N, C-alpha and C. Protein backbone atom coordinates (compact mmCIF):
# COMPACT_ATOMS: atom_id res chain seq x y z
N ASP A 1 180.50 48.73 141.24
CA ASP A 1 181.31 49.34 142.30
C ASP A 1 180.46 49.73 143.51
N MET A 2 179.27 50.25 143.22
CA MET A 2 178.41 50.68 144.32
C MET A 2 177.96 49.47 145.15
N ILE A 3 177.66 48.34 144.46
CA ILE A 3 177.23 47.14 145.20
C ILE A 3 178.37 46.63 146.06
N ALA A 4 179.58 46.59 145.47
CA ALA A 4 180.74 46.12 146.22
C ALA A 4 181.00 47.01 147.43
N LYS A 5 180.88 48.32 147.23
CA LYS A 5 181.10 49.27 148.31
C LYS A 5 180.08 49.06 149.42
N TYR A 6 178.83 48.85 149.03
CA TYR A 6 177.75 48.65 150.01
C TYR A 6 178.02 47.40 150.85
N ILE A 7 178.40 46.30 150.19
CA ILE A 7 178.65 45.05 150.89
C ILE A 7 179.86 45.18 151.81
N CYS A 8 180.93 45.80 151.32
CA CYS A 8 182.14 45.96 152.12
C CYS A 8 181.88 46.81 153.35
N LEU A 9 181.13 47.90 153.19
CA LEU A 9 180.82 48.76 154.33
C LEU A 9 179.96 48.02 155.34
N GLY A 10 179.04 47.19 154.84
CA GLY A 10 178.21 46.40 155.74
C GLY A 10 179.03 45.41 156.55
N ARG A 11 180.02 44.79 155.89
CA ARG A 11 180.87 43.83 156.59
C ARG A 11 181.75 44.54 157.62
N LEU A 12 182.26 45.72 157.27
CA LEU A 12 183.08 46.46 158.22
C LEU A 12 182.28 46.84 159.46
N ALA A 13 181.01 47.24 159.25
CA ALA A 13 180.16 47.59 160.38
C ALA A 13 179.93 46.38 161.28
N ALA A 14 179.73 45.21 160.67
CA ALA A 14 179.52 43.98 161.46
C ALA A 14 180.77 43.61 162.23
N ILE A 15 181.94 43.72 161.58
CA ILE A 15 183.20 43.37 162.24
C ILE A 15 183.47 44.32 163.41
N SER A 16 183.13 45.60 163.24
CA SER A 16 183.38 46.57 164.30
C SER A 16 182.56 46.25 165.55
N LYS A 17 181.42 45.57 165.36
CA LYS A 17 180.58 45.21 166.50
C LYS A 17 181.08 43.95 167.20
N ARG A 18 181.42 42.92 166.40
CA ARG A 18 181.75 41.64 167.01
C ARG A 18 183.24 41.46 167.27
N GLY A 19 184.10 42.28 166.64
CA GLY A 19 185.54 42.17 166.83
C GLY A 19 186.15 41.16 165.89
N LEU A 20 187.47 41.17 165.82
CA LEU A 20 188.21 40.27 164.94
C LEU A 20 188.66 39.04 165.71
N HIS A 21 188.97 37.98 164.97
CA HIS A 21 189.52 36.79 165.58
C HIS A 21 191.01 37.01 165.84
N GLY A 22 191.51 36.30 166.84
CA GLY A 22 192.88 36.53 167.25
C GLY A 22 193.92 35.71 166.50
N LYS A 23 193.66 35.31 165.27
CA LYS A 23 194.66 34.56 164.53
C LYS A 23 194.81 35.14 163.14
N LEU A 24 195.97 34.90 162.55
CA LEU A 24 196.21 35.39 161.20
C LEU A 24 195.40 34.59 160.20
N SER A 25 194.92 35.25 159.16
CA SER A 25 194.14 34.58 158.13
C SER A 25 195.06 33.80 157.20
N SER A 26 194.56 32.67 156.70
CA SER A 26 195.31 31.88 155.73
C SER A 26 195.18 32.52 154.36
N VAL A 27 196.00 32.06 153.41
CA VAL A 27 195.92 32.59 152.04
C VAL A 27 194.53 32.35 151.47
N ALA A 28 193.99 31.13 151.71
CA ALA A 28 192.67 30.80 151.18
C ALA A 28 191.59 31.72 151.77
N GLU A 29 191.72 32.05 153.06
CA GLU A 29 190.75 32.94 153.69
C GLU A 29 190.85 34.34 153.11
N ILE A 30 192.07 34.79 152.85
CA ILE A 30 192.25 36.12 152.26
C ILE A 30 191.65 36.17 150.86
N GLU A 31 191.86 35.11 150.08
CA GLU A 31 191.30 35.06 148.73
C GLU A 31 189.77 35.07 148.78
N THR A 32 189.20 34.34 149.73
CA THR A 32 187.75 34.31 149.88
C THR A 32 187.24 35.70 150.27
N ALA A 33 187.93 36.35 151.19
CA ALA A 33 187.52 37.69 151.62
C ALA A 33 187.61 38.68 150.47
N ALA A 34 188.63 38.52 149.60
CA ALA A 34 188.80 39.43 148.47
C ALA A 34 187.63 39.34 147.49
N ASN A 35 187.00 38.16 147.44
CA ASN A 35 185.87 37.97 146.53
C ASN A 35 184.53 38.15 147.21
N ALA A 36 184.55 38.55 148.48
CA ALA A 36 183.31 38.60 149.25
C ALA A 36 182.30 39.59 148.68
N ALA A 37 182.78 40.64 148.04
CA ALA A 37 181.86 41.64 147.49
C ALA A 37 181.14 41.13 146.26
N PHE A 38 181.62 40.04 145.69
CA PHE A 38 181.05 39.54 144.44
C PHE A 38 180.42 38.15 144.60
N ASN A 39 180.62 37.54 145.76
CA ASN A 39 180.05 36.22 146.03
C ASN A 39 179.42 36.21 147.41
N LEU A 40 178.34 35.48 147.55
CA LEU A 40 177.69 35.34 148.85
C LEU A 40 178.14 34.03 149.47
N TYR A 41 178.46 34.09 150.77
CA TYR A 41 178.96 32.92 151.46
C TYR A 41 178.06 32.58 152.63
N MET A 42 178.27 31.39 153.19
CA MET A 42 177.45 30.93 154.30
C MET A 42 177.86 31.58 155.62
N PHE A 43 179.14 31.92 155.74
CA PHE A 43 179.62 32.59 156.95
C PHE A 43 179.65 34.10 156.73
N SER A 44 179.50 34.83 157.81
CA SER A 44 179.62 36.30 157.80
C SER A 44 178.58 36.98 156.92
N GLU A 45 177.41 36.37 156.79
CA GLU A 45 176.33 36.96 156.01
C GLU A 45 175.12 37.18 156.91
N PRO A 46 174.16 38.01 156.48
CA PRO A 46 172.89 38.08 157.21
C PRO A 46 172.18 36.72 157.14
N LEU A 47 171.38 36.41 158.14
CA LEU A 47 170.69 35.12 158.18
C LEU A 47 169.84 34.91 156.93
N GLY A 48 169.13 35.95 156.51
CA GLY A 48 168.28 35.83 155.33
C GLY A 48 169.06 35.47 154.08
N THR A 49 170.29 35.95 153.98
CA THR A 49 171.14 35.64 152.82
C THR A 49 171.51 34.17 152.79
N THR A 50 171.82 33.60 153.97
CA THR A 50 172.20 32.19 154.02
C THR A 50 171.04 31.30 153.60
N ILE A 51 169.82 31.69 153.94
CA ILE A 51 168.65 30.90 153.55
C ILE A 51 168.41 31.05 152.05
N HIS A 52 168.60 32.26 151.53
CA HIS A 52 168.44 32.49 150.09
C HIS A 52 169.45 31.67 149.28
N LEU A 53 170.67 31.53 149.81
CA LEU A 53 171.72 30.80 149.10
C LEU A 53 171.37 29.33 148.88
N GLN A 54 170.58 28.77 149.77
CA GLN A 54 170.31 27.34 149.70
C GLN A 54 168.97 27.01 149.03
N GLU A 55 168.25 28.02 148.57
CA GLU A 55 166.90 27.79 148.05
C GLU A 55 166.88 26.80 146.88
N GLN A 56 167.90 26.85 146.03
CA GLN A 56 167.92 25.97 144.87
C GLN A 56 168.15 24.51 145.25
N ASN A 57 169.08 24.27 146.18
CA ASN A 57 169.41 22.90 146.56
C ASN A 57 168.56 22.36 147.70
N TYR A 58 168.12 23.24 148.59
CA TYR A 58 167.33 22.81 149.75
C TYR A 58 166.10 23.71 149.89
N PRO A 59 165.18 23.64 148.93
CA PRO A 59 164.04 24.58 148.91
C PRO A 59 163.10 24.45 150.10
N ASN A 60 163.09 23.29 150.75
CA ASN A 60 162.13 23.08 151.85
C ASN A 60 162.72 23.37 153.22
N LYS A 61 164.00 23.73 153.27
CA LYS A 61 164.64 24.02 154.54
C LYS A 61 164.27 25.43 155.01
N LYS A 62 163.75 25.51 156.22
CA LYS A 62 163.36 26.81 156.79
C LYS A 62 164.46 27.43 157.62
N ILE A 63 165.52 26.67 157.84
CA ILE A 63 166.69 27.19 158.55
C ILE A 63 167.91 26.94 157.67
N SER A 64 169.00 27.60 157.97
CA SER A 64 170.22 27.43 157.18
C SER A 64 170.71 25.99 157.29
N PHE A 65 171.02 25.38 156.13
CA PHE A 65 171.38 23.97 156.09
C PHE A 65 172.64 23.67 156.89
N ILE A 66 173.45 24.67 157.12
CA ILE A 66 174.68 24.46 157.88
C ILE A 66 174.37 23.97 159.30
N LEU A 67 173.22 24.34 159.84
CA LEU A 67 172.88 23.92 161.21
C LEU A 67 172.70 22.41 161.33
N PRO A 68 171.77 21.79 160.56
CA PRO A 68 171.67 20.32 160.66
C PRO A 68 172.93 19.61 160.18
N PHE A 69 173.66 20.21 159.25
CA PHE A 69 174.90 19.60 158.77
C PHE A 69 175.90 19.44 159.92
N LEU A 70 176.13 20.51 160.66
CA LEU A 70 177.11 20.46 161.74
C LEU A 70 176.59 19.67 162.94
N THR A 71 175.32 19.86 163.30
CA THR A 71 174.79 19.16 164.47
C THR A 71 174.68 17.65 164.22
N ASP A 72 174.27 17.26 163.02
CA ASP A 72 174.23 15.82 162.70
C ASP A 72 175.63 15.24 162.75
N GLY A 73 176.62 16.03 162.32
CA GLY A 73 178.00 15.57 162.37
C GLY A 73 178.44 15.29 163.79
N ILE A 74 178.00 16.11 164.72
CA ILE A 74 178.36 15.93 166.12
C ILE A 74 177.63 14.73 166.72
N LEU A 75 176.35 14.57 166.40
CA LEU A 75 175.52 13.55 167.04
C LEU A 75 175.61 12.17 166.39
N VAL A 76 175.64 12.15 165.05
CA VAL A 76 175.46 10.89 164.33
C VAL A 76 176.77 10.24 163.93
N LEU A 77 177.68 11.01 163.37
CA LEU A 77 178.93 10.42 162.90
C LEU A 77 179.76 9.90 164.06
N VAL A 78 180.68 9.04 163.75
CA VAL A 78 181.51 8.44 164.79
C VAL A 78 182.61 9.42 165.17
N LEU A 79 182.20 10.48 165.85
CA LEU A 79 183.17 11.51 166.23
C LEU A 79 183.27 11.67 167.74
N GLY A 80 182.39 10.99 168.46
CA GLY A 80 182.45 11.09 169.91
C GLY A 80 182.04 12.44 170.44
N GLY A 81 181.22 13.17 169.69
CA GLY A 81 180.84 14.52 170.11
C GLY A 81 180.12 14.57 171.44
N MET A 82 179.38 13.50 171.77
CA MET A 82 178.64 13.49 173.03
C MET A 82 179.45 12.86 174.16
N LYS A 83 180.69 12.51 173.86
CA LYS A 83 181.57 11.95 174.89
C LYS A 83 182.83 12.78 175.05
N CYS A 84 182.87 13.91 174.36
CA CYS A 84 184.08 14.71 174.31
C CYS A 84 184.06 15.78 175.40
N GLU A 85 185.01 15.72 176.30
CA GLU A 85 185.04 16.67 177.41
C GLU A 85 185.26 18.10 176.89
N GLY A 86 184.46 19.01 177.43
CA GLY A 86 184.61 20.42 177.07
C GLY A 86 184.06 20.78 175.72
N ASN A 87 183.15 19.95 175.20
CA ASN A 87 182.58 20.26 173.87
C ASN A 87 181.93 21.64 173.89
N PHE A 88 182.12 22.40 172.83
CA PHE A 88 181.66 23.78 172.66
C PHE A 88 182.51 24.77 173.44
N HIS A 89 183.36 24.27 174.31
CA HIS A 89 184.22 25.18 175.08
C HIS A 89 185.67 25.09 174.62
N ALA A 90 186.19 23.88 174.54
CA ALA A 90 187.57 23.71 174.08
C ALA A 90 187.67 24.06 172.60
N PRO A 91 188.66 24.84 172.21
CA PRO A 91 188.78 25.21 170.79
C PRO A 91 189.27 24.03 169.96
N GLY A 92 188.73 23.92 168.75
CA GLY A 92 189.22 22.91 167.83
C GLY A 92 190.47 23.41 167.12
N ASP A 93 191.06 22.56 166.31
CA ASP A 93 192.24 22.95 165.54
C ASP A 93 191.87 24.09 164.60
N GLY A 94 192.54 25.22 164.76
CA GLY A 94 192.20 26.42 163.99
C GLY A 94 192.30 26.22 162.49
N ASP A 95 193.33 25.51 162.05
CA ASP A 95 193.50 25.29 160.61
C ASP A 95 192.39 24.41 160.05
N LEU A 96 191.99 23.36 160.81
CA LEU A 96 190.91 22.49 160.35
C LEU A 96 189.58 23.23 160.30
N ILE A 97 189.36 24.09 161.29
CA ILE A 97 188.12 24.88 161.30
C ILE A 97 188.09 25.80 160.09
N SER A 98 189.21 26.44 159.80
CA SER A 98 189.28 27.35 158.64
C SER A 98 189.02 26.59 157.34
N LYS A 99 189.59 25.37 157.23
CA LYS A 99 189.39 24.58 156.01
C LYS A 99 187.93 24.16 155.86
N LEU A 100 187.30 23.76 156.99
CA LEU A 100 185.90 23.36 156.93
C LEU A 100 185.02 24.56 156.58
N LYS A 101 185.35 25.70 157.15
CA LYS A 101 184.59 26.92 156.87
C LYS A 101 184.67 27.28 155.39
N LEU A 102 185.86 27.23 154.82
CA LEU A 102 186.04 27.55 153.41
C LEU A 102 185.33 26.54 152.52
N ARG A 103 185.36 25.28 152.93
CA ARG A 103 184.69 24.22 152.17
C ARG A 103 183.19 24.49 152.12
N ILE A 104 182.62 24.85 153.26
CA ILE A 104 181.18 25.13 153.32
C ILE A 104 180.84 26.38 152.51
N ASP A 105 181.69 27.41 152.62
CA ASP A 105 181.45 28.64 151.87
C ASP A 105 181.43 28.38 150.36
N ARG A 106 182.16 27.35 149.93
CA ARG A 106 182.20 27.02 148.50
C ARG A 106 181.14 26.01 148.11
N GLY A 107 180.28 25.66 149.08
CA GLY A 107 179.15 24.79 148.77
C GLY A 107 179.41 23.31 148.90
N TYR A 108 180.54 22.92 149.50
CA TYR A 108 180.87 21.50 149.65
C TYR A 108 180.58 21.07 151.09
N TYR A 109 179.43 20.46 151.27
CA TYR A 109 179.04 20.00 152.61
C TYR A 109 179.51 18.57 152.81
N THR A 110 180.74 18.41 153.21
CA THR A 110 181.31 17.10 153.44
C THR A 110 182.23 17.16 154.66
N LEU A 111 182.25 16.08 155.42
CA LEU A 111 183.08 16.01 156.61
C LEU A 111 184.34 15.17 156.38
N GLU A 112 184.73 15.09 155.13
CA GLU A 112 185.92 14.32 154.78
C GLU A 112 187.14 14.86 155.55
N ASN A 113 187.88 13.93 156.16
CA ASN A 113 189.09 14.24 156.94
C ASN A 113 188.81 15.02 158.22
N VAL A 114 187.55 15.07 158.63
CA VAL A 114 187.21 15.73 159.90
C VAL A 114 186.93 14.65 160.93
N ASN A 115 187.74 14.56 161.95
CA ASN A 115 187.53 13.54 162.98
C ASN A 115 187.60 14.11 164.39
N ASP A 116 187.46 15.41 164.48
CA ASP A 116 187.52 16.08 165.78
C ASP A 116 186.20 16.81 166.02
N PRO A 117 185.41 16.40 167.03
CA PRO A 117 184.12 17.05 167.28
C PRO A 117 184.27 18.52 167.63
N HIS A 118 185.43 18.92 168.16
CA HIS A 118 185.62 20.34 168.46
C HIS A 118 185.63 21.18 167.18
N VAL A 119 186.04 20.59 166.07
CA VAL A 119 186.02 21.30 164.79
C VAL A 119 184.59 21.56 164.37
N LEU A 120 183.72 20.55 164.58
CA LEU A 120 182.31 20.73 164.22
C LEU A 120 181.61 21.74 165.12
N ALA A 121 182.20 22.02 166.24
CA ALA A 121 181.64 23.04 167.10
C ALA A 121 181.82 24.43 166.49
N SER A 122 182.31 24.46 165.24
CA SER A 122 182.36 25.74 164.50
C SER A 122 180.96 26.25 164.26
N LEU A 123 179.95 25.44 164.65
CA LEU A 123 178.57 25.94 164.74
C LEU A 123 178.57 27.25 165.52
N LYS A 124 179.36 27.30 166.59
CA LYS A 124 179.47 28.49 167.42
C LYS A 124 180.04 29.66 166.61
N LEU A 125 181.01 29.36 165.75
CA LEU A 125 181.62 30.38 164.90
C LEU A 125 180.61 30.94 163.91
N TRP A 126 179.78 30.06 163.32
CA TRP A 126 178.78 30.52 162.36
C TRP A 126 177.80 31.47 163.04
N LEU A 127 177.36 31.12 164.23
CA LEU A 127 176.44 32.00 164.97
C LEU A 127 177.10 33.34 165.27
N HIS A 128 178.37 33.27 165.67
CA HIS A 128 179.09 34.49 166.05
C HIS A 128 179.29 35.42 164.86
N GLU A 129 179.48 34.84 163.67
CA GLU A 129 179.82 35.65 162.50
C GLU A 129 178.60 36.14 161.71
N LEU A 130 177.39 35.78 162.12
CA LEU A 130 176.22 36.34 161.45
C LEU A 130 176.29 37.87 161.52
N CYS A 131 175.93 38.51 160.42
CA CYS A 131 176.03 39.98 160.39
C CYS A 131 175.21 40.63 161.50
N ASP A 132 174.06 40.06 161.76
CA ASP A 132 173.19 40.59 162.82
C ASP A 132 172.93 39.49 163.83
N PRO A 133 172.96 39.80 165.12
CA PRO A 133 172.73 38.76 166.13
C PRO A 133 171.32 38.18 166.03
N LEU A 134 171.18 36.92 166.39
CA LEU A 134 169.86 36.28 166.32
C LEU A 134 168.86 36.99 167.22
N ILE A 135 169.32 37.42 168.38
CA ILE A 135 168.47 38.22 169.26
C ILE A 135 168.87 39.68 169.05
N PRO A 136 168.01 40.48 168.41
CA PRO A 136 168.38 41.86 168.10
C PRO A 136 168.83 42.64 169.33
N GLU A 137 169.73 43.56 169.13
CA GLU A 137 170.31 44.32 170.24
C GLU A 137 169.26 45.00 171.10
N GLU A 138 168.20 45.49 170.45
CA GLU A 138 167.18 46.21 171.21
C GLU A 138 166.40 45.30 172.16
N LEU A 139 166.55 43.97 172.00
CA LEU A 139 165.85 43.03 172.88
C LEU A 139 166.77 42.41 173.93
N HIS A 140 168.06 42.75 173.90
CA HIS A 140 169.01 42.13 174.83
C HIS A 140 168.59 42.32 176.28
N ASN A 141 168.32 43.55 176.66
CA ASN A 141 167.98 43.82 178.06
C ASN A 141 166.68 43.14 178.46
N ASP A 142 165.70 43.14 177.56
CA ASP A 142 164.42 42.48 177.85
C ASP A 142 164.65 41.00 178.14
N CYS A 143 165.46 40.36 177.31
CA CYS A 143 165.71 38.92 177.49
C CYS A 143 166.49 38.64 178.77
N ILE A 144 167.48 39.48 179.06
CA ILE A 144 168.26 39.28 180.29
C ILE A 144 167.38 39.45 181.52
N ASN A 145 166.53 40.47 181.51
CA ASN A 145 165.64 40.72 182.66
C ASN A 145 164.59 39.62 182.81
N ALA A 146 164.20 39.02 181.68
CA ALA A 146 163.17 37.98 181.73
C ALA A 146 163.74 36.60 181.99
N SER A 147 165.08 36.46 181.94
CA SER A 147 165.70 35.13 182.02
C SER A 147 165.33 34.33 183.28
N PRO A 148 165.09 34.95 184.45
CA PRO A 148 164.70 34.13 185.61
C PRO A 148 163.27 33.63 185.52
N TYR A 149 162.50 34.13 184.56
CA TYR A 149 161.08 33.81 184.47
C TYR A 149 160.78 33.23 183.09
N PRO A 150 160.80 31.90 182.95
CA PRO A 150 160.62 31.26 181.64
C PRO A 150 159.42 31.76 180.83
N PRO A 151 158.22 31.93 181.43
CA PRO A 151 157.10 32.43 180.61
C PRO A 151 157.38 33.81 180.01
N ALA A 152 158.00 34.68 180.81
CA ALA A 152 158.31 36.03 180.33
C ALA A 152 159.38 35.96 179.23
N LEU A 153 160.34 35.06 179.40
CA LEU A 153 161.40 34.93 178.40
C LEU A 153 160.81 34.40 177.08
N CYS A 154 159.90 33.43 177.17
CA CYS A 154 159.26 32.90 175.96
C CYS A 154 158.48 33.99 175.25
N TYR A 155 157.85 34.87 176.04
CA TYR A 155 157.11 35.98 175.44
C TYR A 155 158.07 36.93 174.73
N SER A 156 159.21 37.21 175.34
CA SER A 156 160.20 38.11 174.72
C SER A 156 160.73 37.52 173.43
N MET A 157 160.84 36.19 173.38
CA MET A 157 161.39 35.54 172.19
C MET A 157 160.40 35.47 171.04
N ARG A 158 159.19 35.98 171.25
CA ARG A 158 158.25 36.09 170.13
C ARG A 158 158.55 37.31 169.27
N LYS A 159 159.38 38.19 169.78
CA LYS A 159 159.59 39.47 169.11
C LYS A 159 160.60 39.43 167.96
N PRO A 160 161.67 38.62 168.03
CA PRO A 160 162.61 38.57 166.89
C PRO A 160 161.93 38.04 165.63
N PRO A 161 162.52 38.27 164.45
CA PRO A 161 161.95 37.74 163.20
C PRO A 161 161.80 36.23 163.25
N THR A 162 160.85 35.71 162.48
CA THR A 162 160.57 34.27 162.48
C THR A 162 161.82 33.45 162.17
N SER A 163 162.59 33.86 161.17
CA SER A 163 163.79 33.10 160.80
C SER A 163 164.78 33.03 161.97
N ASN A 164 164.89 34.10 162.73
CA ASN A 164 165.78 34.11 163.90
C ASN A 164 165.27 33.16 164.97
N ARG A 165 163.97 33.19 165.22
CA ARG A 165 163.38 32.32 166.25
C ARG A 165 163.58 30.85 165.90
N ARG A 166 163.47 30.52 164.62
CA ARG A 166 163.66 29.13 164.20
C ARG A 166 165.07 28.64 164.52
N VAL A 167 166.05 29.50 164.28
CA VAL A 167 167.44 29.11 164.56
C VAL A 167 167.66 28.94 166.06
N VAL A 168 167.17 29.89 166.84
CA VAL A 168 167.32 29.79 168.30
C VAL A 168 166.66 28.52 168.82
N LEU A 169 165.46 28.22 168.33
CA LEU A 169 164.75 27.01 168.76
C LEU A 169 165.53 25.75 168.36
N PHE A 170 166.09 25.75 167.15
CA PHE A 170 166.86 24.61 166.69
C PHE A 170 168.08 24.39 167.59
N VAL A 171 168.80 25.46 167.87
CA VAL A 171 170.01 25.35 168.69
C VAL A 171 169.66 24.89 170.10
N MET A 172 168.60 25.45 170.69
CA MET A 172 168.20 25.06 172.04
C MET A 172 167.77 23.59 172.09
N SER A 173 167.05 23.15 171.06
CA SER A 173 166.61 21.75 171.01
C SER A 173 167.81 20.82 170.89
N PHE A 174 168.78 21.22 170.08
CA PHE A 174 169.99 20.42 169.90
C PHE A 174 170.76 20.28 171.21
N LEU A 175 170.87 21.37 171.94
CA LEU A 175 171.66 21.35 173.17
C LEU A 175 171.03 20.48 174.26
N GLN A 176 169.72 20.20 174.13
CA GLN A 176 169.07 19.35 175.13
C GLN A 176 169.72 17.96 175.19
N PHE A 177 170.24 17.49 174.05
CA PHE A 177 170.88 16.17 174.02
C PHE A 177 172.07 16.11 174.96
N PHE A 178 172.70 17.26 175.21
CA PHE A 178 173.92 17.29 176.01
C PHE A 178 173.65 17.46 177.50
N LEU A 179 172.36 17.54 177.86
CA LEU A 179 172.01 17.73 179.27
C LEU A 179 171.60 16.43 179.94
N GLU A 180 171.63 15.31 179.20
CA GLU A 180 171.36 14.02 179.82
C GLU A 180 172.52 13.66 180.75
N GLU A 181 172.21 13.02 181.85
CA GLU A 181 173.23 12.75 182.88
C GLU A 181 174.41 11.96 182.34
N LYS A 182 174.14 10.95 181.49
CA LYS A 182 175.24 10.12 180.99
C LYS A 182 176.15 10.92 180.06
N VAL A 183 175.58 11.94 179.40
CA VAL A 183 176.40 12.79 178.53
C VAL A 183 177.19 13.78 179.37
N LEU A 184 176.54 14.35 180.37
CA LEU A 184 177.22 15.31 181.25
C LEU A 184 178.42 14.68 181.95
N ALA A 185 178.31 13.38 182.25
CA ALA A 185 179.41 12.70 182.93
C ALA A 185 180.67 12.69 182.07
N SER A 186 180.49 12.72 180.75
CA SER A 186 181.64 12.71 179.84
C SER A 186 182.08 14.11 179.44
N THR A 187 181.12 14.96 179.11
CA THR A 187 181.48 16.27 178.56
C THR A 187 181.84 17.29 179.63
N LYS A 188 181.30 17.10 180.84
CA LYS A 188 181.50 18.07 181.93
C LYS A 188 180.93 19.45 181.59
N MET A 189 180.04 19.51 180.60
CA MET A 189 179.46 20.78 180.18
C MET A 189 178.02 20.87 180.68
N THR A 190 177.84 21.50 181.84
CA THR A 190 176.51 21.68 182.41
C THR A 190 175.75 22.75 181.62
N ALA A 191 174.47 22.90 181.94
CA ALA A 191 173.66 23.93 181.27
C ALA A 191 174.27 25.31 181.48
N ALA A 192 174.77 25.55 182.69
CA ALA A 192 175.39 26.85 182.98
C ALA A 192 176.65 27.06 182.14
N ASN A 193 177.45 26.01 181.99
CA ASN A 193 178.67 26.11 181.20
C ASN A 193 178.35 26.40 179.73
N MET A 194 177.36 25.68 179.19
CA MET A 194 176.99 25.87 177.79
C MET A 194 176.41 27.27 177.56
N ALA A 195 175.63 27.73 178.53
CA ALA A 195 175.06 29.07 178.42
C ALA A 195 176.17 30.11 178.39
N LEU A 196 177.17 29.92 179.23
CA LEU A 196 178.30 30.86 179.29
C LEU A 196 179.05 30.92 177.97
N VAL A 197 179.19 29.75 177.31
CA VAL A 197 179.95 29.66 176.08
C VAL A 197 179.14 30.14 174.86
N LEU A 198 177.85 29.76 174.82
CA LEU A 198 177.08 29.99 173.60
C LEU A 198 176.25 31.27 173.62
N ALA A 199 175.84 31.74 174.80
CA ALA A 199 174.97 32.92 174.85
C ALA A 199 175.55 34.13 174.12
N PRO A 200 176.86 34.42 174.26
CA PRO A 200 177.40 35.60 173.54
C PRO A 200 177.27 35.50 172.03
N ASN A 201 177.09 34.29 171.49
CA ASN A 201 176.97 34.12 170.05
C ASN A 201 175.53 34.25 169.56
N LEU A 202 174.60 34.38 170.50
CA LEU A 202 173.20 34.54 170.13
C LEU A 202 172.77 36.00 170.16
């Protein structure tokens, strides 16, 4: 009971900071939430927990496996992710995103029946739902003030935990693919647009 209480209170504290989503939960989501105190999931957990969850199946991965899973799905599979206008900005089908999220939480990393790159942009949802932001709150102002000066910003980014820095570096490296001119012509998502959409989730 004490463990369940501790986990539930931790989740409530995280939800109070990031806010709730504006849609009703499905039955499957409610069932998953009801078991959250007794099972660890890939979404809505601390970053360290997500890495611990994958140690048995992916012992050499230094970042959460969900990151390469979703990004490879956008880049490699025939989903048109690099040709899709408004990628990372336009919302995907809410029901499909919920189903993919539940599938991942249950350990099934498969893109079966997923043919919409906006659904794979649930990468943004995973970042948003981490219990603690990748860039700790106490560093927010430092990073914002340093943003016009790349060397100073790089110095500020040495301060978060190593696991957090790895995720930020992975996400930034991935987004570079979308800044090529031929990709921008299709997606219409400039660096400024992507920053506007993704920065709040970091």
